[in-house]
């Protein structure tokens, strides 16, 4: 079945992500992206400025939804346990929704402009610091073991969540709800303290 013709910037970004995933940023061309999107090469340039702009937009579309979601979680009236679980859920949903984007980011982040790469690394550090704060609050509340290295655990958790993008298959037997339950169950066996039967 023929792919539907792209009629928006977002559809072109989606097409670029698929092409970058298959061919890599360096080997991909605007002509490849145009063909993937079902439009002419001049049409692509009506919407976007360059191949690198598409790559940087892909990265931004990973960063901003998760950043905004985390900010809402942190500012909420949820308990420490609920905030940590909400963060896990938000990160899982983001990884699944933007799976192709994450794979492009992993393979081609070194192709970003200096400023875009700096922005991405700053965001990643901010996410780690936020998780450290969530874990520290949970440790203070007796929900997370106090003998753990919070910084190391935050990096391990975020690394695990990003790894979902490498192996998860949306059409497989595990849906997002089940994936979330598996992650919470895994962490309950290691970082949690005491009875965790009340997790969301």
C-alpha atoms as a PDB file:
ATOM      1  CA  UNK A   1       0.000   0.000   0.000  1.00  0.00           C
ATOM      2  CA  UNK A   2       1.371   3.423  -0.932  1.00  0.00           C
ATOM      3  CA  UNK A   3       2.408   5.692   1.914  1.00  0.00           C
ATOM      4  CA  UNK A   4       0.162   8.722   2.398  1.00  0.00           C
ATOM      5  CA  UNK A   5       1.598  11.958   1.034  1.00  0.00           C
ATOM      6  CA  UNK A   6       3.061  14.236   3.698  1.00  0.00           C
ATOM      7  CA  UNK A   7       1.144  17.481   4.103  1.00  0.00           C
ATOM      8  CA  UNK A   8       2.785  19.013   7.168  1.00  0.00           C
ATOM      9  CA  UNK A   9       6.127  19.678   8.810  1.00  0.00           C
ATOM     10  CA  UNK A  10       5.380  16.978  11.389  1.00  0.00           C
ATOM     11  CA  UNK A  11       4.827  14.365   8.701  1.00  0.00           C
ATOM     12  CA  UNK A  12       8.133  15.318   7.107  1.00  0.00           C
ATOM     13  CA  UNK A  13       9.886  15.034  10.482  1.00  0.00           C
ATOM     14  CA  UNK A  14       8.346  11.571  10.917  1.00  0.00           C
ATOM     15  CA  UNK A  15       9.492  10.589   7.425  1.00  0.00           C
ATOM     16  CA  UNK A  16      13.003  11.884   8.129  1.00  0.00           C
ATOM     17  CA  UNK A  17      13.153   9.855  11.357  1.00  0.00           C
ATOM     18  CA  UNK A  18      12.296   6.666   9.488  1.00  0.00           C
ATOM     19  CA  UNK A  19      14.919   7.385   6.824  1.00  0.00           C
ATOM     20  CA  UNK A  20      17.604   8.316   9.366  1.00  0.00           C
ATOM     21  CA  UNK A  21      16.873   5.121  11.296  1.00  0.00           C
ATOM     22  CA  UNK A  22      17.278   2.973   8.181  1.00  0.00           C
ATOM     23  CA  UNK A  23      20.192   4.715   6.454  1.00  0.00           C
ATOM     24  CA  UNK A  24      21.833   6.881   9.095  1.00  0.00           C
ATOM     25  CA  UNK A  25      21.971  10.663   9.020  1.00  0.00           C
ATOM     26  CA  UNK A  26      25.107  10.893   6.860  1.00  0.00           C
ATOM     27  CA  UNK A  27      23.874   8.546   4.127  1.00  0.00           C
ATOM     28  CA  UNK A  28      20.307   9.871   4.051  1.00  0.00           C
ATOM     29  CA  UNK A  29      19.442  12.554   1.516  1.00  0.00           C
ATOM     30  CA  UNK A  30      16.635  15.064   1.163  1.00  0.00           C
ATOM     31  CA  UNK A  31      15.572  13.055  -1.907  1.00  0.00           C
ATOM     32  CA  UNK A  32      15.252   9.958   0.316  1.00  0.00           C
ATOM     33  CA  UNK A  33      13.125  11.917   2.762  1.00  0.00           C
ATOM     34  CA  UNK A  34      10.979  13.302  -0.038  1.00  0.00           C
ATOM     35  CA  UNK A  35      10.399   9.795  -1.392  1.00  0.00           C
ATOM     36  CA  UNK A  36       9.538   8.488   2.086  1.00  0.00           C
ATOM     37  CA  UNK A  37       7.089  11.355   2.557  1.00  0.00           C
ATOM     38  CA  UNK A  38       5.568  10.971  -0.913  1.00  0.00           C
ATOM     39  CA  UNK A  39       6.410  14.511  -2.010  1.00  0.00           C
ATOM     40  CA  UNK A  40       8.909  16.209  -4.305  1.00  0.00           C
ATOM     41  CA  UNK A  41      12.280  17.446  -3.145  1.00  0.00           C
ATOM     42  CA  UNK A  42      11.294  21.119  -3.700  1.00  0.00           C
ATOM     43  CA  UNK A  43       8.225  20.504  -1.544  1.00  0.00           C
ATOM     44  CA  UNK A  44      10.437  19.360   1.339  1.00  0.00           C
ATOM     45  CA  UNK A  45      12.346  22.634   1.160  1.00  0.00           C
ATOM     46  CA  UNK A  46       9.067  24.541   1.374  1.00  0.00           C
ATOM     47  CA  UNK A  47       8.634  23.098   4.865  1.00  0.00           C
ATOM     48  CA  UNK A  48      12.148  22.634   6.231  1.00  0.00           C
ATOM     49  CA  UNK A  49      15.522  24.343   5.897  1.00  0.00           C
ATOM     50  CA  UNK A  50      17.961  21.417   5.952  1.00  0.00           C
ATOM     51  CA  UNK A  51      18.606  17.813   6.836  1.00  0.00           C
ATOM     52  CA  UNK A  52      20.301  18.877  10.083  1.00  0.00           C
ATOM     53  CA  UNK A  53      17.244  20.963  11.008  1.00  0.00           C
ATOM     54  CA  UNK A  54      15.173  17.796  10.712  1.00  0.00           C
ATOM     55  CA  UNK A  55      17.587  15.919  12.980  1.00  0.00           C
ATOM     56  CA  UNK A  56      17.523  18.669  15.575  1.00  0.00           C
ATOM     57  CA  UNK A  57      13.721  18.814  15.453  1.00  0.00           C
ATOM     58  CA  UNK A  58      13.607  15.065  16.063  1.00  0.00           C
ATOM     59  CA  UNK A  59      15.726  15.545  19.191  1.00  0.00           C
ATOM     60  CA  UNK A  60      13.602  18.480  20.381  1.00  0.00           C
ATOM     61  CA  UNK A  61      10.479  16.366  20.046  1.00  0.00           C
ATOM     62  CA  UNK A  62      11.983  13.821  22.427  1.00  0.00           C
ATOM     63  CA  UNK A  63      13.078  16.446  24.928  1.00  0.00           C
ATOM     64  CA  UNK A  64      10.195  18.866  25.279  1.00  0.00           C
ATOM     65  CA  UNK A  65       7.225  16.549  25.953  1.00  0.00           C
ATOM     66  CA  UNK A  66       9.158  14.634  28.608  1.00  0.00           C
ATOM     67  CA  UNK A  67      10.566  17.817  30.132  1.00  0.00           C
ATOM     68  CA  UNK A  68       7.119  19.371  30.413  1.00  0.00           C
ATOM     69  CA  UNK A  69       5.663  16.162  31.831  1.00  0.00           C
ATOM     70  CA  UNK A  70       8.397  15.902  34.463  1.00  0.00           C
ATOM     71  CA  UNK A  71       7.932  19.527  35.476  1.00  0.00           C
ATOM     72  CA  UNK A  72       4.214  18.900  36.025  1.00  0.00           C
ATOM     73  CA  UNK A  73       4.940  15.795  38.089  1.00  0.00           C
ATOM     74  CA  UNK A  74       7.497  17.565  40.291  1.00  0.00           C
ATOM     75  CA  UNK A  75       5.153  20.536  40.857  1.00  0.00           C
ATOM     76  CA  UNK A  76       2.154  18.323  41.660  1.00  0.00           C
ATOM     77  CA  UNK A  77       0.693  17.463  45.065  1.00  0.00           C
ATOM     78  CA  UNK A  78       1.413  13.776  44.582  1.00  0.00           C
ATOM     79  CA  UNK A  79       3.246  11.834  47.283  1.00  0.00           C
ATOM     80  CA  UNK A  80       6.924  10.954  46.818  1.00  0.00           C
ATOM     81  CA  UNK A  81       6.002   7.409  45.779  1.00  0.00           C
ATOM     82  CA  UNK A  82       3.376   8.646  43.329  1.00  0.00           C
ATOM     83  CA  UNK A  83       5.783  11.159  41.787  1.00  0.00           C
ATOM     84  CA  UNK A  84       8.412   8.488  41.215  1.00  0.00           C
ATOM     85  CA  UNK A  85       5.853   6.152  39.658  1.00  0.00           C
ATOM     86  CA  UNK A  86       4.443   8.973  37.531  1.00  0.00           C
ATOM     87  CA  UNK A  87       7.952   9.754  36.286  1.00  0.00           C
ATOM     88  CA  UNK A  88       8.521   6.107  35.352  1.00  0.00           C
ATOM     89  CA  UNK A  89       5.218   6.043  33.495  1.00  0.00           C
ATOM     90  CA  UNK A  90       5.926   9.292  31.640  1.00  0.00           C
ATOM     91  CA  UNK A  91       9.385   8.134  30.556  1.00  0.00           C
ATOM     92  CA  UNK A  92       8.069   4.758  29.372  1.00  0.00           C
ATOM     93  CA  UNK A  93       5.285   6.393  27.356  1.00  0.00           C
ATOM     94  CA  UNK A  94       7.732   8.858  25.813  1.00  0.00           C
ATOM     95  CA  UNK A  95      10.167   6.077  24.886  1.00  0.00           C
ATOM     96  CA  UNK A  96       7.424   4.050  23.218  1.00  0.00           C
ATOM     97  CA  UNK A  97       5.792   7.004  21.430  1.00  0.00           C
ATOM     98  CA  UNK A  98       9.094   8.351  20.093  1.00  0.00           C
ATOM     99  CA  UNK A  99      10.881   5.022  19.683  1.00  0.00           C
ATOM    100  CA  UNK A 100      12.206   5.748  16.194  1.00  0.00           C
ATOM    101  CA  UNK A 101      13.285   9.232  17.293  1.00  0.00           C
ATOM    102  CA  UNK A 102      15.294   7.817  20.201  1.00  0.00           C
ATOM    103  CA  UNK A 103      17.021   5.344  17.898  1.00  0.00           C
ATOM    104  CA  UNK A 104      18.015   8.206  15.594  1.00  0.00           C
ATOM    105  CA  UNK A 105      19.265  10.209  18.576  1.00  0.00           C
ATOM    106  CA  UNK A 106      21.338   7.287  19.849  1.00  0.00           C
ATOM    107  CA  UNK A 107      22.957   6.704  16.458  1.00  0.00           C
ATOM    108  CA  UNK A 108      23.387  10.269  15.241  1.00  0.00           C
ATOM    109  CA  UNK A 109      23.596  12.673  18.177  1.00  0.00           C
ATOM    110  CA  UNK A 110      27.202  13.447  17.179  1.00  0.00           C
ATOM    111  CA  UNK A 111      25.774  14.975  13.975  1.00  0.00           C
ATOM    112  CA  UNK A 112      23.933  17.670  15.923  1.00  0.00           C
ATOM    113  CA  UNK A 113      25.200  21.225  15.852  1.00  0.00           C
ATOM    114  CA  UNK A 114      27.340  22.239  18.817  1.00  0.00           C
ATOM    115  CA  UNK A 115      24.473  24.190  20.394  1.00  0.00           C
ATOM    116  CA  UNK A 116      21.885  21.470  19.814  1.00  0.00           C
ATOM    117  CA  UNK A 117      24.191  18.843  21.328  1.00  0.00           C
ATOM    118  CA  UNK A 118      24.853  21.130  24.290  1.00  0.00           C
ATOM    119  CA  UNK A 119      21.081  21.572  24.763  1.00  0.00           C
ATOM    120  CA  UNK A 120      20.502  17.825  24.648  1.00  0.00           C
ATOM    121  CA  UNK A 121      23.236  17.063  27.172  1.00  0.00           C
ATOM    122  CA  UNK A 122      21.980  19.817  29.471  1.00  0.00           C
ATOM    123  CA  UNK A 123      18.490  18.320  29.300  1.00  0.00           C
ATOM    124  CA  UNK A 124      19.806  14.826  30.040  1.00  0.00           C
ATOM    125  CA  UNK A 125      21.660  16.146  33.100  1.00  0.00           C
ATOM    126  CA  UNK A 126      18.516  17.937  34.273  1.00  0.00           C
ATOM    127  CA  UNK A 127      16.510  14.720  33.959  1.00  0.00           C
ATOM    128  CA  UNK A 128      19.094  12.819  36.004  1.00  0.00           C
ATOM    129  CA  UNK A 129      19.090  15.524  38.693  1.00  0.00           C
ATOM    130  CA  UNK A 130      15.294  15.439  38.839  1.00  0.00           C
ATOM    131  CA  UNK A 131      15.302  11.675  39.326  1.00  0.00           C
ATOM    132  CA  UNK A 132      17.976  12.005  41.996  1.00  0.00           C
ATOM    133  CA  UNK A 133      15.711  14.454  43.825  1.00  0.00           C
ATOM    134  CA  UNK A 134      12.705  12.123  43.495  1.00  0.00           C
ATOM    135  CA  UNK A 135      14.765   9.204  44.820  1.00  0.00           C
ATOM    136  CA  UNK A 136      16.172  11.287  47.683  1.00  0.00           C
ATOM    137  CA  UNK A 137      12.654  12.332  48.698  1.00  0.00           C
ATOM    138  CA  UNK A 138      11.572   8.697  48.561  1.00  0.00           C
ATOM    139  CA  UNK A 139      14.562   7.649  50.670  1.00  0.00           C
ATOM    140  CA  UNK A 140      13.674  10.290  53.236  1.00  0.00           C
ATOM    141  CA  UNK A 141      10.120   8.950  53.302  1.00  0.00           C
ATOM    142  CA  UNK A 142      11.375   5.388  53.763  1.00  0.00           C
ATOM    143  CA  UNK A 143      10.178   4.259  50.333  1.00  0.00           C
ATOM    144  CA  UNK A 144      13.629   3.822  48.794  1.00  0.00           C
ATOM    145  CA  UNK A 145      16.538   2.120  50.555  1.00  0.00           C
ATOM    146  CA  UNK A 146      18.801   4.610  52.267  1.00  0.00           C
ATOM    147  CA  UNK A 147      22.003   2.635  51.589  1.00  0.00           C
ATOM    148  CA  UNK A 148      21.902   3.161  47.809  1.00  0.00           C
ATOM    149  CA  UNK A 149      24.008   5.622  45.834  1.00  0.00           C
ATOM    150  CA  UNK A 150      21.228   7.881  44.581  1.00  0.00           C
ATOM    151  CA  UNK A 151      23.229   9.286  41.666  1.00  0.00           C
ATOM    152  CA  UNK A 152      24.173   5.830  40.403  1.00  0.00           C
ATOM    153  CA  UNK A 153      20.611   4.549  40.747  1.00  0.00           C
ATOM    154  CA  UNK A 154      19.210   7.568  38.858  1.00  0.00           C
ATOM    155  CA  UNK A 155      21.595   6.891  35.962  1.00  0.00           C
ATOM    156  CA  UNK A 156      20.755   3.183  35.988  1.00  0.00           C
ATOM    157  CA  UNK A 157      17.011   3.851  35.937  1.00  0.00           C
ATOM    158  CA  UNK A 158      17.240   6.367  33.101  1.00  0.00           C
ATOM    159  CA  UNK A 159      19.542   4.091  31.125  1.00  0.00           C
ATOM    160  CA  UNK A 160      17.074   1.234  31.531  1.00  0.00           C
ATOM    161  CA  UNK A 161      14.142   3.392  30.405  1.00  0.00           C
ATOM    162  CA  UNK A 162      15.971   4.646  27.313  1.00  0.00           C
ATOM    163  CA  UNK A 163      16.950   1.043  26.458  1.00  0.00           C
ATOM    164  CA  UNK A 164      13.250   0.282  25.910  1.00  0.00           C
ATOM    165  CA  UNK A 165      13.576   1.988  22.540  1.00  0.00           C
ATOM    166  CA  UNK A 166      16.073  -0.637  21.361  1.00  0.00           C
ATOM    167  CA  UNK A 167      13.987  -3.760  21.932  1.00  0.00           C
ATOM    168  CA  UNK A 168      10.333  -2.866  22.471  1.00  0.00           C
ATOM    169  CA  UNK A 169       7.863  -3.854  19.737  1.00  0.00           C
ATOM    170  CA  UNK A 170       4.499  -2.040  19.882  1.00  0.00           C
ATOM    171  CA  UNK A 171       2.837  -4.953  18.091  1.00  0.00           C
ATOM    172  CA  UNK A 172       4.275  -7.499  20.526  1.00  0.00           C
ATOM    173  CA  UNK A 173       2.668  -9.146  23.525  1.00  0.00           C
ATOM    174  CA  UNK A 174       3.677  -6.432  26.036  1.00  0.00           C
ATOM    175  CA  UNK A 175       1.648  -3.231  26.009  1.00  0.00           C
ATOM    176  CA  UNK A 176       2.615   0.010  27.746  1.00  0.00           C
ATOM    177  CA  UNK A 177       0.626  -0.808  30.900  1.00  0.00           C
ATOM    178  CA  UNK A 178       2.331  -4.177  31.250  1.00  0.00           C
ATOM    179  CA  UNK A 179       5.719  -2.627  30.551  1.00  0.00           C
ATOM    180  CA  UNK A 180       5.137  -0.074  33.306  1.00  0.00           C
ATOM    181  CA  UNK A 181       4.126  -2.838  35.732  1.00  0.00           C
ATOM    182  CA  UNK A 182       7.279  -4.792  34.878  1.00  0.00           C
ATOM    183  CA  UNK A 183       9.511  -1.770  35.491  1.00  0.00           C
ATOM    184  CA  UNK A 184       7.860  -0.989  38.834  1.00  0.00           C
ATOM    185  CA  UNK A 185       8.103  -4.654  39.815  1.00  0.00           C
ATOM    186  CA  UNK A 186      11.781  -4.771  38.896  1.00  0.00           C
ATOM    187  CA  UNK A 187      12.569  -1.678  40.940  1.00  0.00           C
ATOM    188  CA  UNK A 188      10.458  -2.931  43.818  1.00  0.00           C
ATOM    189  CA  UNK A 189      12.816  -5.850  44.103  1.00  0.00           C
ATOM    190  CA  UNK A 190      15.867  -3.643  44.471  1.00  0.00           C
ATOM    191  CA  UNK A 191      15.485   0.023  45.293  1.00  0.00           C
ATOM    192  CA  UNK A 192      12.244  -0.051  47.253  1.00  0.00           C
ATOM    193  CA  UNK A 193      12.127  -0.244  51.019  1.00  0.00           C
ATOM    194  CA  UNK A 194       9.539  -2.243  52.910  1.00  0.00           C
ATOM    195  CA  UNK A 195       6.056  -3.098  51.592  1.00  0.00           C
ATOM    196  CA  UNK A 196       5.548  -1.849  48.037  1.00  0.00           C
ATOM    197  CA  UNK A 197       2.166  -3.442  47.520  1.00  0.00           C
ATOM    198  CA  UNK A 198       0.592  -0.010  47.126  1.00  0.00           C
ATOM    199  CA  UNK A 199       2.442   0.996  43.960  1.00  0.00           C
ATOM    200  CA  UNK A 200       0.296   2.521  41.203  1.00  0.00           C
END
